C-alpha atoms as a PDB file:
ATOM      1  CA  MET A   1     109.300 121.906 105.171  1.00  0.00           C
ATOM      2  CA  ILE A   2     106.929 125.397 104.959  1.00  0.00           C
ATOM      3  CA  LEU A   3     106.008 127.268 102.344  1.00  0.00           C
ATOM      4  CA  GLN A   4     104.380 130.616 101.270  1.00  0.00           C
ATOM      5  CA  MET A   5     101.879 130.412  98.693  1.00  0.00           C
ATOM      6  CA  ARG A   6     100.839 133.200  97.642  1.00  0.00           C
ATOM      7  CA  SER A   7      97.579 133.702  94.428  1.00  0.00           C
ATOM      8  CA  GLY A   8      97.301 137.030  93.416  1.00  0.00           C
ATOM      9  CA  ALA A   9      97.190 139.824  97.314  1.00  0.00           C
ATOM     10  CA  ASP A  10      95.918 136.351  99.267  1.00  0.00           C
ATOM     11  CA  CYS A  11      99.258 134.415 100.735  1.00  0.00           C
ATOM     12  CA  VAL A  12      98.864 131.383 102.594  1.00  0.00           C
ATOM     13  CA  GLU A  13     101.995 129.249 104.427  1.00  0.00           C
ATOM     14  CA  VAL A  14     101.460 125.127 104.370  1.00  0.00           C
ATOM     15  CA  GLU A  15     103.193 123.220 106.436  1.00  0.00           C
ATOM     16  CA  ILE A  16     104.430 119.336 105.299  1.00  0.00           C
ATOM     17  CA  THR A  17     106.286 117.685 107.937  1.00  0.00           C
ATOM     18  CA  SER A  18     107.299 113.600 108.038  1.00  0.00           C
ATOM     19  CA  ILE A  19     106.162 112.098 111.031  1.00  0.00           C
ATOM     20  CA  ASN A  20     106.687 107.961 110.969  1.00  0.00           C
ATOM     21  CA  GLY A  21     106.283 107.951 107.988  1.00  0.00           C
ATOM     22  CA  LYS A  22     103.006 109.192 107.863  1.00  0.00           C
ATOM     23  CA  GLN A  23     102.722 113.238 105.807  1.00  0.00           C
ATOM     24  CA  ARG A  24     101.385 116.039 108.308  1.00  0.00           C
ATOM     25  CA  VAL A  25      99.408 119.200 106.525  1.00  0.00           C
ATOM     26  CA  MET A  26      99.453 122.443 108.247  1.00  0.00           C
ATOM     27  CA  VAL A  27      97.432 125.445 106.354  1.00  0.00           C
ATOM     28  CA  ASN A  28      97.951 128.700 107.732  1.00  0.00           C
ATOM     29  CA  GLY A  29      98.562 126.598 111.584  1.00  0.00           C
ATOM     30  CA  ALA A  30      95.251 123.772 110.986  1.00  0.00           C
ATOM     31  CA  GLU A  31      96.158 121.037 110.706  1.00  0.00           C
ATOM     32  CA  VAL A  32      94.269 119.665 108.098  1.00  0.00           C
ATOM     33  CA  VAL A  33      93.378 116.039 106.681  1.00  0.00           C
ATOM     34  CA  CYS A  34      94.666 114.692 103.606  1.00  0.00           C
ATOM     35  CA  ASP A  35      96.765 111.471 102.284  1.00  0.00           C
ATOM     36  CA  PHE A  36      98.436 111.660  99.306  1.00  0.00           C
ATOM     37  CA  VAL A  37     100.996 110.104  97.511  1.00  0.00           C
ATOM     38  CA  ARG A  38     102.781 110.113  94.411  1.00  0.00           C
ATOM     39  CA  LEU A  39     101.984 108.467  91.608  1.00  0.00           C
ATOM     40  CA  PRO A  40     104.336 107.028  89.263  1.00  0.00           C
ATOM     41  CA  ASP A  41     103.746 109.011  86.125  1.00  0.00           C
ATOM     42  CA  GLY A  42     104.900 112.394  88.114  1.00  0.00           C
ATOM     43  CA  HIS A  43     101.173 113.189  88.463  1.00  0.00           C
ATOM     44  CA  TYR A  44      99.608 113.448  92.560  1.00  0.00           C
ATOM     45  CA  SER A  45      96.627 111.078  93.812  1.00  0.00           C
ATOM     46  CA  MET A  46      94.866 113.475  96.994  1.00  0.00           C
ATOM     47  CA  ILE A  47      92.791 112.382  99.521  1.00  0.00           C
ATOM     48  CA  LEU A  48      90.296 115.554 100.667  1.00  0.00           C
ATOM     49  CA  ASP A  49      87.430 115.628 102.989  1.00  0.00           C
ATOM     50  CA  GLY A  50      86.929 112.133 101.945  1.00  0.00           C
ATOM     51  CA  ARG A  51      87.090 112.683  98.057  1.00  0.00           C
ATOM     52  CA  VAL A  52      89.885 111.231  95.361  1.00  0.00           C
ATOM     53  CA  TYR A  53      91.535 113.858  93.624  1.00  0.00           C
ATOM     54  CA  ASP A  54      94.317 113.562  90.372  1.00  0.00           C
ATOM     55  CA  LEU A  55      96.565 116.857  90.070  1.00  0.00           C
ATOM     56  CA  ALA A  56      99.338 117.024  87.908  1.00  0.00           C
ATOM     57  CA  VAL A  57     101.997 119.455  89.779  1.00  0.00           C
ATOM     58  CA  ASP A  58     104.358 121.816  87.816  1.00  0.00           C
ATOM     59  CA  VAL A  59     107.171 124.087  89.764  1.00  0.00           C
ATOM     60  CA  GLU A  60     109.544 125.540  88.233  1.00  0.00           C
ATOM     61  CA  ASP A  61     112.127 127.887  89.813  1.00  0.00           C
ATOM     62  CA  ASN A  62     109.450 129.389  92.309  1.00  0.00           C
ATOM     63  CA  LYS A  63     105.705 129.099  90.655  1.00  0.00           C
ATOM     64  CA  CYS A  64     103.346 125.700  90.586  1.00  0.00           C
ATOM     65  CA  GLN A  65     100.903 125.930  88.984  1.00  0.00           C
ATOM     66  CA  VAL A  66      98.503 122.772  90.262  1.00  0.00           C
ATOM     67  CA  SER A  67      95.165 121.428  88.003  1.00  0.00           C
ATOM     68  CA  GLY A  68      92.816 118.257  87.830  1.00  0.00           C
ATOM     69  CA  GLY A  69      89.582 118.570  87.414  1.00  0.00           C
ATOM     70  CA  GLY A  70      89.331 120.616  84.465  1.00  0.00           C
ATOM     71  CA  VAL A  71      90.249 123.306  87.057  1.00  0.00           C
ATOM     72  CA  ARG A  72      94.462 124.783  86.490  1.00  0.00           C
ATOM     73  CA  HIS A  73      95.837 127.284  90.270  1.00  0.00           C
ATOM     74  CA  GLU A  74      99.101 129.198  90.161  1.00  0.00           C
ATOM     75  CA  PHE A  75     100.584 129.696  92.822  1.00  0.00           C
ATOM     76  CA  GLY A  76     103.829 131.322  93.885  1.00  0.00           C
ATOM     77  CA  ILE A  77     106.125 129.801  96.427  1.00  0.00           C
ATOM     78  CA  ALA A  78     108.211 131.777  98.723  1.00  0.00           C
ATOM     79  CA  ASP A  79     110.495 128.069 100.632  1.00  0.00           C
ATOM     80  CA  PRO A  80     113.514 129.811 102.892  1.00  0.00           C
ATOM     81  CA  ARG A  81     115.767 126.746 102.423  1.00  0.00           C
ATOM     82  CA  ARG A  82     114.739 126.547  98.461  1.00  0.00           C
ATOM     83  CA  LEU A  83     118.717 128.850  97.897  1.00  0.00           C
ATOM     84  CA  SER A  84     119.413 126.512 100.638  1.00  0.00           C
ATOM     85  CA  SER A  85     119.305 123.349  98.798  1.00  0.00           C
ATOM     86  CA  LEU A  86     118.017 123.679  95.598  1.00  0.00           C
ATOM     87  CA  LYS A  87     117.600 119.017  95.476  1.00  0.00           C
ATOM     88  CA  THR A  88     114.701 117.173  94.462  1.00  0.00           C
ATOM     89  CA  VAL A  89     111.711 115.684  96.518  1.00  0.00           C
ATOM     90  CA  GLU A  90     113.791 112.483  94.439  1.00  0.00           C
ATOM     91  CA  GLU A  91     116.903 112.973  95.897  1.00  0.00           C
ATOM     92  CA  GLY A  92     115.268 112.844  99.105  1.00  0.00           C
ATOM     93  CA  VAL A  93     116.686 113.455 103.025  1.00  0.00           C
ATOM     94  CA  SER A  94     120.588 113.344 102.800  1.00  0.00           C
ATOM     95  CA  GLY A  95     122.289 110.501 105.180  1.00  0.00           C
ATOM     96  CA  LEU A  96     120.225 107.422 106.654  1.00  0.00           C
ATOM     97  CA  GLN A  97     116.830 107.148 106.456  1.00  0.00           C
ATOM     98  CA  ARG A  98     115.250 104.208 108.256  1.00  0.00           C
ATOM     99  CA  LEU A  99     111.478 102.949 107.222  1.00  0.00           C
ATOM    100  CA  SER A 100     109.399 101.327 109.974  1.00  0.00           C
ATOM    101  CA  ALA A 101     106.464  99.673 108.972  1.00  0.00           C
ATOM    102  CA  GLU A 102     102.235 101.941 109.297  1.00  0.00           C
ATOM    103  CA  MET A 103     100.581  98.981 109.634  1.00  0.00           C
ATOM    104  CA  PRO A 104     100.750  95.082 110.524  1.00  0.00           C
ATOM    105  CA  GLY A 105     100.902  92.437 108.054  1.00  0.00           C
ATOM    106  CA  LYS A 106     102.828  89.401 107.154  1.00  0.00           C
ATOM    107  CA  VAL A 107     105.851  90.363 104.577  1.00  0.00           C
ATOM    108  CA  VAL A 108     105.226  88.597 101.547  1.00  0.00           C
ATOM    109  CA  ARG A 109     108.292  89.245  99.561  1.00  0.00           C
ATOM    110  CA  VAL A 110     111.109  91.247 100.084  1.00  0.00           C
ATOM    111  CA  LEU A 111     112.937  92.996  96.472  1.00  0.00           C
ATOM    112  CA  VAL A 112     116.165  94.289  98.267  1.00  0.00           C
ATOM    113  CA  ALA A 113     119.829  93.831  99.108  1.00  0.00           C
ATOM    114  CA  PRO A 114     121.869  95.213 101.569  1.00  0.00           C
ATOM    115  CA  GLY A 115     124.584  97.356  99.156  1.00  0.00           C
ATOM    116  CA  ASP A 116     121.863  97.527  96.761  1.00  0.00           C
ATOM    117  CA  ALA A 117     121.366 100.744  94.699  1.00  0.00           C
ATOM    118  CA  VAL A 118     117.629 102.200  94.616  1.00  0.00           C
ATOM    119  CA  ASP A 119     116.297 104.793  92.695  1.00  0.00           C
ATOM    120  CA  TYR A 120     113.356 107.236  93.977  1.00  0.00           C
ATOM    121  CA  GLY A 121     109.184 105.018  94.006  1.00  0.00           C
ATOM    122  CA  GLN A 122     110.921 101.591  93.529  1.00  0.00           C
ATOM    123  CA  GLY A 123     109.907  99.030  95.719  1.00  0.00           C
ATOM    124  CA  LEU A 124     110.985  97.784  98.739  1.00  0.00           C
ATOM    125  CA  MET A 125     109.203  95.448  99.651  1.00  0.00           C
ATOM    126  CA  VAL A 126     106.266  94.000 100.087  1.00  0.00           C
ATOM    127  CA  ILE A 127     103.784  93.436 102.966  1.00  0.00           C
ATOM    128  CA  GLU A 128     100.173  91.858 103.316  1.00  0.00           C
ATOM    129  CA  ALA A 129      97.860  94.011 105.339  1.00  0.00           C
ATOM    130  CA  MET A 130      93.900  93.285 105.271  1.00  0.00           C
ATOM    131  CA  LYS A 131      93.886  90.975 103.059  1.00  0.00           C
ATOM    132  CA  MET A 132      95.603  93.273 100.853  1.00  0.00           C
ATOM    133  CA  GLN A 133      99.431  93.798  99.492  1.00  0.00           C
ATOM    134  CA  ASN A 134     101.307  96.484  99.617  1.00  0.00           C
ATOM    135  CA  GLU A 135     104.509  97.447  98.405  1.00  0.00           C
ATOM    136  CA  ILE A 136     106.815  99.752 100.127  1.00  0.00           C
ATOM    137  CA  ARG A 137     108.874 102.219  97.438  1.00  0.00           C
ATOM    138  CA  SER A 138     111.988 103.761  98.478  1.00  0.00           C
ATOM    139  CA  PRO A 139     111.230 107.518  99.300  1.00  0.00           C
ATOM    140  CA  LYS A 140     114.576 109.196  98.152  1.00  0.00           C
ATOM    141  CA  LYS A 141     117.546 107.836  95.326  1.00  0.00           C
ATOM    142  CA  GLY A 142     120.159 105.732  97.554  1.00  0.00           C
ATOM    143  CA  THR A 143     121.836 102.555  99.113  1.00  0.00           C
ATOM    144  CA  ILE A 144     120.571  99.976 101.718  1.00  0.00           C
ATOM    145  CA  LYS A 145     122.149  99.985 104.466  1.00  0.00           C
ATOM    146  CA  GLU A 146     120.503  96.686 106.450  1.00  0.00           C
ATOM    147  CA  ILE A 147     117.568  94.890 106.017  1.00  0.00           C
ATOM    148  CA  SER A 148     115.899  93.451 109.236  1.00  0.00           C
ATOM    149  CA  VAL A 149     112.595  91.440 108.072  1.00  0.00           C
ATOM    150  CA  LYS A 150     112.489  88.734 106.080  1.00  0.00           C
ATOM    151  CA  ASP A 151     110.231  86.640 103.899  1.00  0.00           C
ATOM    152  CA  GLY A 152     106.522  85.763 105.132  1.00  0.00           C
ATOM    153  CA  ILE A 153     108.235  87.654 109.106  1.00  0.00           C
ATOM    154  CA  ALA A 154     105.405  89.255 110.541  1.00  0.00           C
ATOM    155  CA  VAL A 155     105.448  92.751 111.224  1.00  0.00           C
ATOM    156  CA  SER A 156     104.142  95.649 113.940  1.00  0.00           C
ATOM    157  CA  THR A 157     102.436  99.219 113.165  1.00  0.00           C
ATOM    158  CA  GLY A 158     106.719 100.734 114.038  1.00  0.00           C
ATOM    159  CA  ASP A 159     109.109  97.818 113.470  1.00  0.00           C
ATOM    160  CA  PHE A 160     112.028  98.979 111.897  1.00  0.00           C
ATOM    161  CA  LEU A 161     111.892  97.020 108.663  1.00  0.00           C
ATOM    162  CA  LEU A 162     115.559  98.484 106.332  1.00  0.00           C
ATOM    163  CA  SER A 163     117.262 101.983 106.613  1.00  0.00           C
ATOM    164  CA  LEU A 164     118.855 103.691 103.210  1.00  0.00           C
ATOM    165  CA  GLU A 165     122.090 106.203 102.019  1.00  0.00           C
END
């Protein structure tokens, strides 16, 4: 996804891509190393240059307001695909989506079964990695098509976990 964000006379091109479940952010052609996640309350938690930011993002039509730490920024957004697709983030990518393990670990519990309808952000399974339990959440609303793991199985980075449509 490529967005052109405007604030006053300044224009910044932001490209966000997802490769194997990892987000890559480019700002004006330069990669920005950051990690972010959407929280259940709709806010975002972002780590940038070793600092944690809790952000509230409000998008309406072609305007975006980002606030956090007592500061509020307003941007105009131009998305070349916006006119052809007005679906929300929760709808996700259309079609079949395959989820893979992002790190080696052990499947503690599978929370869904094939045929189950799931919502955006719903827990799909719990994987223990580095002595921490990580809940794998649904990246979109859909239906579970296939599950290739079961409780107690070890997985490696890149192993196929499940698919949803």
